[in-house]
Protein backbone atom coordinates (compact mmCIF):
# COMPACT_ATOMS: atom_id res chain seq x y z
CA MET A 1 1.33 10.03 1.50
CA THR A 2 -1.71 11.08 -0.15
CA SER A 3 -4.55 13.11 1.42
CA ALA A 4 -8.49 12.53 1.16
CA SER A 5 -10.58 14.21 -1.12
CA SER A 6 -11.08 18.13 -1.36
CA ARG A 7 -14.51 17.72 -0.06
CA SER A 8 -13.44 16.01 3.16
CA MET A 9 -10.87 18.54 3.44
CA ALA A 10 -13.56 21.51 3.08
CA PRO A 11 -13.62 22.43 6.70
CA LEU A 12 -9.51 22.52 6.98
CA VAL A 13 -9.56 24.95 4.00
CA ALA A 14 -12.31 27.16 5.09
CA ALA A 15 -10.55 27.25 8.93
CA TRP A 16 -7.20 28.20 6.94
CA LYS A 17 -9.01 31.05 4.75
CA GLN A 18 -11.01 32.62 7.85
CA HIS A 19 -7.72 32.89 10.22
CA PHE A 20 -5.25 33.91 7.30
CA HIS A 21 -7.71 36.84 6.72
CA LEU A 22 -7.90 37.83 10.26
CA ALA A 23 -4.15 37.64 10.35
CA ALA A 24 -3.93 40.06 7.61
CA ASP A 25 -5.87 42.48 9.48
CA GLY A 26 -7.46 44.21 6.79
CA SER A 27 -4.35 44.96 4.70
CA SER A 28 -4.89 45.85 1.13
CA SER A 29 -1.95 43.13 0.29
CA TYR A 30 -4.66 40.77 1.07
CA ASN A 31 -6.63 41.27 -2.26
CA LYS A 32 -3.36 42.22 -3.93
CA GLY A 33 -2.00 38.93 -2.93
CA LEU A 34 -5.26 37.30 -4.21
CA ASN A 35 -4.63 38.57 -7.85
CA LEU A 36 -0.73 37.62 -7.96
CA HIS A 37 -1.58 33.81 -6.97
CA ARG A 38 -4.54 33.76 -9.49
CA GLN A 39 -1.71 35.08 -12.08
CA GLY A 40 0.56 31.68 -10.94
CA ALA A 41 2.99 34.09 -9.27
CA VAL A 42 3.48 31.58 -6.52
CA GLY A 43 6.18 28.83 -7.35
CA GLN A 44 6.48 25.66 -5.45
CA ILE A 45 5.55 25.72 -1.88
CA TYR A 46 7.78 24.17 0.70
CA ALA A 47 6.86 23.20 4.20
CA ALA A 48 9.11 22.78 7.28
CA PRO A 49 8.74 22.74 10.93
CA GLY A 50 7.50 26.27 11.94
CA GLN A 51 7.29 27.75 8.40
CA LEU A 52 5.71 27.47 4.85
CA ALA A 53 7.94 29.24 2.24
CA ALA A 54 7.60 29.65 -1.79
CA PRO A 55 9.28 31.73 -4.37
CA VAL A 56 6.81 34.71 -5.63
CA ALA A 57 7.41 36.51 -9.26
CA ALA A 58 6.09 39.83 -9.13
CA LYS A 59 7.33 43.27 -11.40
CA LYS A 60 10.35 41.22 -12.95
CA ALA A 61 11.59 40.29 -9.21
CA THR A 62 11.19 37.07 -7.24
CA HIS A 63 10.91 37.40 -3.66
CA LYS A 64 11.08 34.41 -1.02
CA ALA A 65 7.85 34.63 0.98
CA ALA A 66 7.14 32.90 3.99
CA LEU A 67 4.48 32.16 6.60
CA LEU A 68 5.80 31.40 9.99
CA LEU A 69 3.48 29.16 12.32
CA PRO A 70 4.40 27.58 15.77
CA GLU A 71 5.03 23.92 16.21
CA LEU A 72 3.01 21.83 17.94
CA THR A 73 4.33 20.43 21.10
CA ALA A 74 4.76 16.68 21.92
CA THR A 75 1.87 16.87 24.20
CA GLN A 76 -0.35 18.43 21.59
CA TRP A 77 0.47 15.88 19.46
CA ASP A 78 -0.22 13.13 21.90
CA THR A 79 -3.70 14.99 22.32
CA LEU A 80 -4.26 14.45 18.72
CA VAL A 81 -3.32 10.93 18.55
CA SER A 82 -5.44 9.80 21.23
CA ARG A 83 -8.30 11.65 19.39
CA LEU A 84 -7.59 10.13 16.28
CA THR A 85 -7.39 6.65 17.88
CA GLN A 86 -10.65 6.86 18.91
CA ILE A 87 -12.20 7.24 15.46
CA PRO A 88 -11.69 4.10 13.30
CA GLN A 89 -12.14 5.60 9.85
CA ALA A 90 -9.14 8.14 10.88
CA VAL A 91 -6.98 5.16 11.79
CA ALA A 92 -7.93 3.21 8.63
CA ASP A 93 -6.77 6.37 6.77
CA LEU A 94 -3.49 6.83 8.37
CA LEU A 95 -2.62 3.31 8.10
CA ALA A 96 -3.54 3.19 4.43
CA ASN A 97 -1.13 6.36 3.88
CA ARG A 98 -3.91 8.88 3.65
CA ILE A 99 -4.41 12.06 5.57
CA PRO A 100 -7.88 11.38 7.51
CA ALA A 101 -10.79 13.88 7.11
CA ALA A 102 -10.69 13.87 10.86
CA VAL A 103 -8.01 16.58 11.01
CA ALA A 104 -10.23 18.91 9.35
CA ASP A 105 -12.91 18.49 12.03
CA PRO A 106 -14.03 21.75 13.79
CA GLY A 107 -14.50 19.89 16.66
CA LEU A 108 -10.67 19.50 17.03
CA ALA A 109 -10.01 22.69 18.55
CA GLY A 110 -7.92 24.24 21.31
CA ASP A 111 -4.43 22.16 21.53
CA MET A 112 -5.63 19.48 18.73
CA ALA A 113 -6.28 22.47 16.21
CA ILE A 114 -4.06 21.91 13.06
CA VAL A 115 -4.97 25.22 11.79
CA PRO A 116 -2.99 27.95 13.63
CA ARG A 117 -4.92 30.58 15.25
CA PRO A 118 -4.99 34.04 13.77
CA GLU A 119 -2.55 35.46 16.04
CA GLU A 120 -0.32 32.87 15.44
CA ILE A 121 0.40 33.20 12.03
CA THR A 122 3.25 36.08 11.02
CA PHE A 123 4.89 36.91 7.74
CA SER A 124 8.32 37.19 6.22
CA CYS A 125 9.47 38.22 2.76
CA SER A 126 12.66 39.36 1.10
CA CYS A 127 11.01 42.46 -0.16
CA PRO A 128 11.47 45.79 1.66
CA VAL A 129 7.85 45.84 2.94
CA GLY A 130 7.98 42.11 4.27
CA HIS A 131 11.14 42.97 6.30
CA THR A 132 9.36 45.25 8.29
CA GLY A 133 7.03 42.69 9.59
CA PRO A 134 3.47 43.38 8.34
CA VAL A 135 1.77 41.25 5.54
CA CYS A 136 3.10 42.13 2.14
CA ASP A 137 1.46 41.34 -1.20
CA HIS A 138 4.15 38.21 -1.95
CA SER A 139 3.47 36.72 1.44
CA ALA A 140 -0.39 37.36 1.13
CA ALA A 141 0.08 35.54 -2.11
CA LEU A 142 1.54 32.58 -0.52
CA GLY A 143 -1.39 32.74 1.95
CA HIS A 144 -3.88 32.12 -0.88
CA ALA A 145 -1.72 29.55 -2.61
CA VAL A 146 -1.69 27.63 0.62
CA ALA A 147 -5.61 27.82 0.82
CA GLU A 148 -5.97 26.07 -2.79
CA ARG A 149 -3.23 23.39 -1.87
CA LEU A 150 -4.47 22.42 1.37
CA ALA A 151 -7.47 20.90 -0.65
CA ASN A 152 -5.48 18.04 -1.58
CA ALA A 153 -2.27 18.27 0.03
CA ALA A 154 -3.43 18.51 3.93
CA SER A 155 0.33 17.10 4.57
CA LEU A 156 1.69 20.60 4.14
CA LEU A 157 0.16 21.98 6.96
CA LEU A 158 1.08 19.19 9.23
CA ALA A 159 4.47 19.29 8.32
CA ALA A 160 4.61 23.14 8.95
CA ARG A 161 3.31 22.30 12.47
CA GLY A 162 6.23 19.76 12.96
CA MET A 163 4.75 16.50 12.11
CA THR A 164 5.04 14.76 8.77
CA ALA A 165 1.94 12.43 7.76
CA ARG A 166 4.09 9.10 7.98
CA GLU A 167 5.26 10.07 11.61
CA LEU A 168 1.86 10.79 12.63
CA ALA A 169 0.54 7.44 11.35
CA ALA A 170 3.49 5.72 13.23
CA LEU A 171 2.28 7.30 16.44
CA VAL A 172 -1.43 6.11 15.68
CA ARG A 173 0.20 2.58 15.11
CA ASP A 174 2.24 2.34 18.08
CA SER A 175 -1.01 3.44 19.98
CA LEU A 176 -2.96 0.28 19.10
CA VAL A 177 -0.48 -2.23 20.06
CA GLY A 178 -2.01 -4.56 22.60
CA THR A 179 -5.58 -2.98 21.71
CA GLY A 180 -8.28 -4.98 20.71
CA PRO A 181 -9.89 -4.89 16.95
CA GLY A 182 -12.43 -2.13 17.86
CA PRO A 183 -15.42 -1.14 15.54
CA LEU A 184 -15.07 -1.21 11.75
CA PRO A 185 -14.16 2.40 9.94
CA SER A 186 -17.56 3.08 7.97
CA SER A 187 -19.18 5.69 6.28
CA THR A 188 -22.49 7.49 7.37
CA ASP A 189 -24.27 5.03 5.28
CA GLY A 190 -22.57 1.89 6.80
CA THR A 191 -20.21 1.14 3.82
CA VAL A 192 -16.73 -0.47 5.11
CA ARG A 193 -14.02 0.49 2.47
CA ALA A 194 -11.94 -2.65 1.71
CA ASP A 195 -8.58 -0.80 1.80
CA GLN A 196 -9.39 0.66 4.99
CA LEU A 197 -10.28 -2.67 6.47
CA PHE A 198 -7.19 -4.17 5.12
CA ALA A 199 -4.99 -1.55 6.29
CA LEU A 200 -6.41 -2.29 10.05
CA ALA A 201 -5.77 -5.90 9.44
CA ALA A 202 -2.48 -5.55 8.37
CA HIS A 203 -0.93 -3.17 11.14
CA ARG A 204 -2.80 -3.91 14.13
CA PRO A 205 -1.33 -6.90 15.95
CA PRO A 206 -3.33 -10.44 15.86
CA PHE A 207 -6.06 -10.44 18.49
CA PRO A 208 -5.60 -13.66 20.47
CA LEU A 209 -8.64 -16.20 20.50
CA ALA A 210 -9.44 -18.16 23.74
CA PRO A 211 -7.88 -21.59 23.65
CA ASP A 212 -11.36 -23.03 23.39
CA ALA A 213 -12.96 -20.80 20.92
CA GLU A 214 -14.20 -22.48 17.80
CA LEU A 215 -14.79 -20.61 14.53
CA ASP A 216 -18.40 -20.78 13.22
CA ALA A 217 -18.61 -22.30 9.90
CA THR A 218 -20.05 -20.15 7.01
CA ALA A 219 -23.69 -20.21 5.66
CA PRO A 220 -23.81 -18.12 2.81
CA LEU A 221 -27.27 -16.43 2.21
CA THR A 222 -26.07 -15.59 -1.59
CA ALA A 223 -26.93 -19.38 -2.24
CA THR A 224 -30.64 -18.68 -1.89
CA LEU A 225 -30.86 -15.49 -3.95
CA ASP A 226 -31.59 -14.79 -7.40
CA ASP A 227 -29.06 -13.34 -9.79
CA PRO A 228 -28.69 -9.49 -9.46
CA PRO A 229 -28.81 -7.61 -12.66
CA ALA A 230 -26.09 -7.24 -15.10
CA PRO A 231 -23.11 -6.34 -14.70
CA CYS A 232 -23.22 -7.39 -10.90
CA PRO A 233 -21.77 -10.84 -10.28
CA SER A 234 -23.97 -13.84 -10.36
CA ALA A 235 -25.27 -15.33 -7.19
CA ASP A 236 -23.13 -18.21 -7.51
CA ASP A 237 -20.13 -15.84 -7.95
CA LEU A 238 -21.03 -13.87 -4.81
CA THR A 239 -21.33 -17.49 -2.92
CA ARG A 240 -17.57 -18.47 -3.90
CA MET A 241 -16.72 -14.67 -3.19
CA THR A 242 -17.99 -14.85 0.08
CA GLN A 243 -16.71 -18.30 0.88
CA ASP A 244 -12.99 -17.15 -0.21
CA ALA A 245 -13.37 -14.37 2.11
CA ALA A 246 -14.36 -16.31 5.01
CA ASP A 247 -11.67 -19.07 4.31
CA ARG A 248 -9.06 -16.20 4.21
CA ALA A 249 -10.18 -14.59 7.35
CA ARG A 250 -10.26 -17.74 9.01
CA ALA A 251 -6.76 -18.14 7.98
CA LEU A 252 -5.86 -14.89 9.36
CA LEU A 253 -7.56 -15.36 12.91
CA THR A 254 -5.90 -19.02 13.36
CA GLY A 255 -2.27 -17.91 12.26
CA THR A 256 -2.00 -20.14 9.24
CA VAL A 257 -1.45 -17.43 6.49
CA GLU A 258 2.11 -18.51 4.95
CA GLN A 259 2.82 -15.82 2.63
CA PRO A 260 1.39 -12.91 1.35
CA HIS A 261 -0.43 -12.57 -2.02
CA ASP A 262 0.28 -9.44 -4.37
CA ALA A 263 -2.25 -8.68 -7.39
CA LEU A 264 -0.64 -11.30 -9.70
CA ALA A 265 -0.64 -14.19 -7.47
CA ASP A 266 -3.83 -13.71 -6.11
CA THR A 267 -5.43 -13.80 -9.85
CA VAL A 268 -3.61 -16.93 -10.31
CA ARG A 269 -5.08 -18.09 -6.90
CA ILE A 270 -8.37 -17.48 -8.14
CA LEU A 271 -7.55 -18.88 -11.86
CA ALA A 272 -6.32 -22.20 -9.84
CA THR A 273 -9.87 -22.86 -8.36
CA PRO A 274 -12.21 -25.22 -10.28
CA ASP A 275 -14.40 -22.12 -11.32
CA GLY A 276 -11.62 -19.82 -12.06
CA VAL A 277 -10.13 -21.35 -15.28
CA ARG A 278 -12.81 -20.16 -17.15
CA ARG A 279 -11.77 -16.57 -16.74
CA LEU A 280 -8.27 -17.35 -18.25
CA PRO A 281 -8.96 -15.65 -21.33
CA HIS A 282 -10.09 -12.68 -19.62
CA VAL A 283 -6.95 -12.71 -17.36
CA ALA A 284 -4.51 -12.96 -20.12
CA GLN A 285 -5.81 -9.72 -21.91
CA THR A 286 -6.11 -8.12 -18.55
CA THR A 287 -2.36 -8.90 -17.42
CA GLY A 288 -0.81 -9.30 -20.72
CA HIS A 289 0.40 -12.81 -19.72
CA THR A 290 -0.34 -15.39 -22.39
CA GLU A 291 -2.82 -18.32 -21.45
CA ALA A 292 0.19 -20.73 -21.54
CA ALA A 293 2.40 -18.70 -19.01
CA LEU A 294 -0.93 -18.37 -16.80
CA ARG A 295 -1.31 -22.09 -16.90
CA THR A 296 2.09 -22.55 -15.86
CA MET A 297 1.64 -20.06 -12.96
CA MET A 298 -1.33 -22.05 -11.78
CA ILE A 299 0.74 -25.21 -11.54
CA GLY A 300 3.38 -23.22 -9.57
CA TYR A 301 0.75 -22.00 -7.30
CA ARG A 302 -0.79 -25.43 -6.54
CA HIS A 303 2.73 -26.39 -5.85
CA GLY A 304 4.25 -23.51 -4.00
CA GLY A 305 1.76 -20.95 -3.19
CA PRO A 306 2.08 -17.60 -4.48
CA ALA A 307 6.25 -17.71 -4.52
CA GLY A 308 5.65 -21.00 -6.65
CA ALA A 309 3.50 -18.67 -9.11
CA HIS A 310 6.07 -16.25 -9.64
CA ALA A 311 8.78 -18.79 -9.93
CA ALA A 312 6.86 -20.42 -12.52
CA LEU A 313 6.98 -17.03 -14.44
CA ALA A 314 10.53 -16.29 -14.09
CA ALA A 315 13.45 -16.96 -11.47
CA ALA A 316 14.05 -14.62 -8.67
CA PRO A 317 16.93 -12.59 -8.86
CA VAL A 318 20.02 -13.99 -6.54
CA ALA A 319 23.60 -13.25 -6.60
CA ALA A 320 25.87 -14.85 -8.84
CA ASP A 321 27.84 -16.46 -6.12
CA ALA A 322 24.81 -18.02 -4.56
CA LEU A 323 23.94 -19.72 -7.86
CA GLU A 324 27.40 -20.94 -7.84
CA ARG A 325 27.23 -22.30 -4.31
CA ALA A 326 23.87 -24.09 -4.96
CA ARG A 327 25.41 -25.79 -8.23
CA ALA A 328 28.25 -26.78 -5.80
CA THR A 329 25.75 -28.31 -3.65
CA VAL A 330 23.92 -30.25 -6.35
CA LEU A 331 26.93 -31.34 -7.68
CA ALA A 332 28.11 -32.81 -4.66
CA SER A 333 24.79 -34.51 -3.74
CA ARG A 334 24.54 -36.51 -6.89
CA ALA A 335 25.47 -40.41 -6.77
CA VAL A 336 26.54 -40.52 -10.43
CA GLY A 337 28.43 -37.25 -11.98
CA LEU A 338 26.70 -37.56 -15.13
CA GLY A 339 25.73 -34.42 -17.14
CA THR A 340 26.22 -31.12 -16.20
CA ILE A 341 24.46 -28.39 -14.16
CA ASP A 342 24.28 -25.18 -16.16
CA ILE A 343 23.26 -21.70 -14.67
CA ASP A 344 21.15 -19.56 -17.16
CA SER A 345 18.96 -16.70 -16.34
CA GLY A 346 19.31 -17.21 -12.70
CA THR A 347 18.21 -21.12 -13.01
CA LEU A 348 20.28 -24.33 -12.39
CA THR A 349 19.56 -26.71 -14.98
CA ASP A 350 20.41 -30.40 -15.81
CA THR A 351 19.79 -30.67 -19.43
CA THR A 352 20.76 -34.41 -19.45
CA ALA A 353 18.29 -34.98 -16.82
CA GLY A 354 15.55 -32.80 -18.03
CA VAL A 355 15.32 -31.21 -14.60
CA GLN A 356 15.79 -27.43 -13.35
CA ILE A 357 15.28 -25.60 -10.02
CA ARG A 358 15.01 -22.24 -9.69
CA PRO A 359 14.87 -19.72 -6.76
CA GLY A 360 11.77 -18.21 -5.64
CA PRO A 361 10.90 -14.80 -4.04
CA ASP A 362 10.46 -16.76 -0.77
CA GLY A 363 14.04 -17.92 -0.49
CA ARG A 364 13.19 -21.31 -1.54
CA TRP A 365 14.23 -23.58 -4.62
CA HIS A 366 11.44 -24.54 -6.74
CA PRO A 367 11.80 -27.72 -8.86
CA PHE A 368 10.66 -27.95 -12.78
CA THR A 369 10.82 -30.52 -15.39
CA HIS A 370 11.04 -30.26 -19.02
CA TRP A 371 8.43 -31.46 -21.45
CA ARG A 372 8.46 -32.16 -25.09
CA THR A 373 6.71 -29.10 -25.69
CA GLY A 374 9.93 -27.34 -24.86
CA GLU A 375 8.56 -25.68 -21.84
CA TRP A 376 9.48 -26.04 -18.16
CA ARG A 377 6.66 -27.08 -15.75
CA PRO A 378 6.44 -26.52 -11.99
CA ALA A 379 6.74 -29.76 -9.76
CA PRO A 380 6.21 -30.51 -6.07
CA GLY A 381 9.07 -30.28 -3.55
CA ALA A 382 10.09 -26.42 -2.83
CA CYS A 383 12.89 -26.50 -0.39
CA ASP A 384 15.36 -24.20 0.99
CA ASP A 385 18.03 -26.78 0.21
CA PRO A 386 18.98 -26.76 -3.40
CA ALA A 387 19.76 -30.50 -3.48
CA GLU A 388 16.73 -31.55 -2.01
CA ALA A 389 14.67 -29.53 -4.47
CA TYR A 390 17.11 -31.09 -7.39
CA ARG A 391 15.99 -34.70 -5.92
CA ALA A 392 12.27 -33.67 -6.21
CA ALA A 393 12.62 -32.43 -9.58
CA ARG A 394 14.44 -35.85 -10.47
CA ARG A 395 11.32 -37.96 -8.24
CA ALA A 396 8.85 -35.80 -10.74
CA ARG A 397 10.51 -36.33 -13.86
CA ALA A 398 10.80 -40.10 -13.11
CA ALA A 399 7.07 -40.59 -12.34
CA ARG A 400 6.07 -39.20 -15.65
CA PRO A 401 5.16 -41.69 -18.35
CA LEU A 402 7.51 -41.55 -21.01
CA ARG A 403 4.83 -40.76 -23.77
CA ARG A 404 2.04 -38.09 -23.10
């Protein structure tokens, strides 16, 4: 799990530096440790519940230094989770696998403080000075290294306090069960980040609509606007993007979304629209797929959705015995046993009939027909039953004219 930007974690770093400095209690080792840190003497920092530890090299010897911190109790974590769930930005960040900037909020004091108080930080080291209890040069160097790491790895301190960032996200997610959507996460200027909004939609349970609720039709304002300056999208493109977003939101709200789209399938979805095909050369360049392959995926998408697009590119991997069982099912379903069913590259192919079925990532079998150009083109009729998918391929092949 990645952390927020170093700028958003600045209050956390500042609080650590202040408390660490007070914990050192004016020891000369504080400045000596800073010099060791700047010389690169501190190795990899390891976080475990109750401590932060690292090897520190000095004077041809390496010592194991540690900072001992108290773990937060379950009650304290519950208090922190309760506070974070009231901040939409923090919820969205956690569900999108980021440490929220809210953990660095100076307002999270007392029981909710991630940074331990000065009196809670104790030092330990394998060197002779470290054995006696006070801060030594090596443990001081570790304290400075931790300050630097926290700017980009706040999860380090979370782990030392007894909670991984992933576990914290799970607690926040559990606390959202049964709640309404709440306000959107936004920055001070009102900007809503798409990845945060997606994270909220993906992890929050569906919000039930009233039985008589009707969704309003969209009326894009972009249709009345002039084109913005380049390189911004044109007004027509903005209209299509707005309509597409509204259609997908409507599908989410009504529960009619069938399959998730990954990046490639979503690109093919846009290409398959009447206005999308003009982007084919650019998409071929950026994705690395040929225009011919993308056109075949567009046909697959129209027939079988995201899984159909991927099946058009390549068969989904399945076990060899599953292919054998599917072949036996197809052979048993044929009225006339002419031709053979070959297994090649994860597909079942009837060369004599000019048809093929492929397993898709959705667990269904997708039908294909052979063309004179030597390519296999998707056909409608994807089905869980390989025999039915095979019959769909035969119907599609028979419906084609003899000459093109």
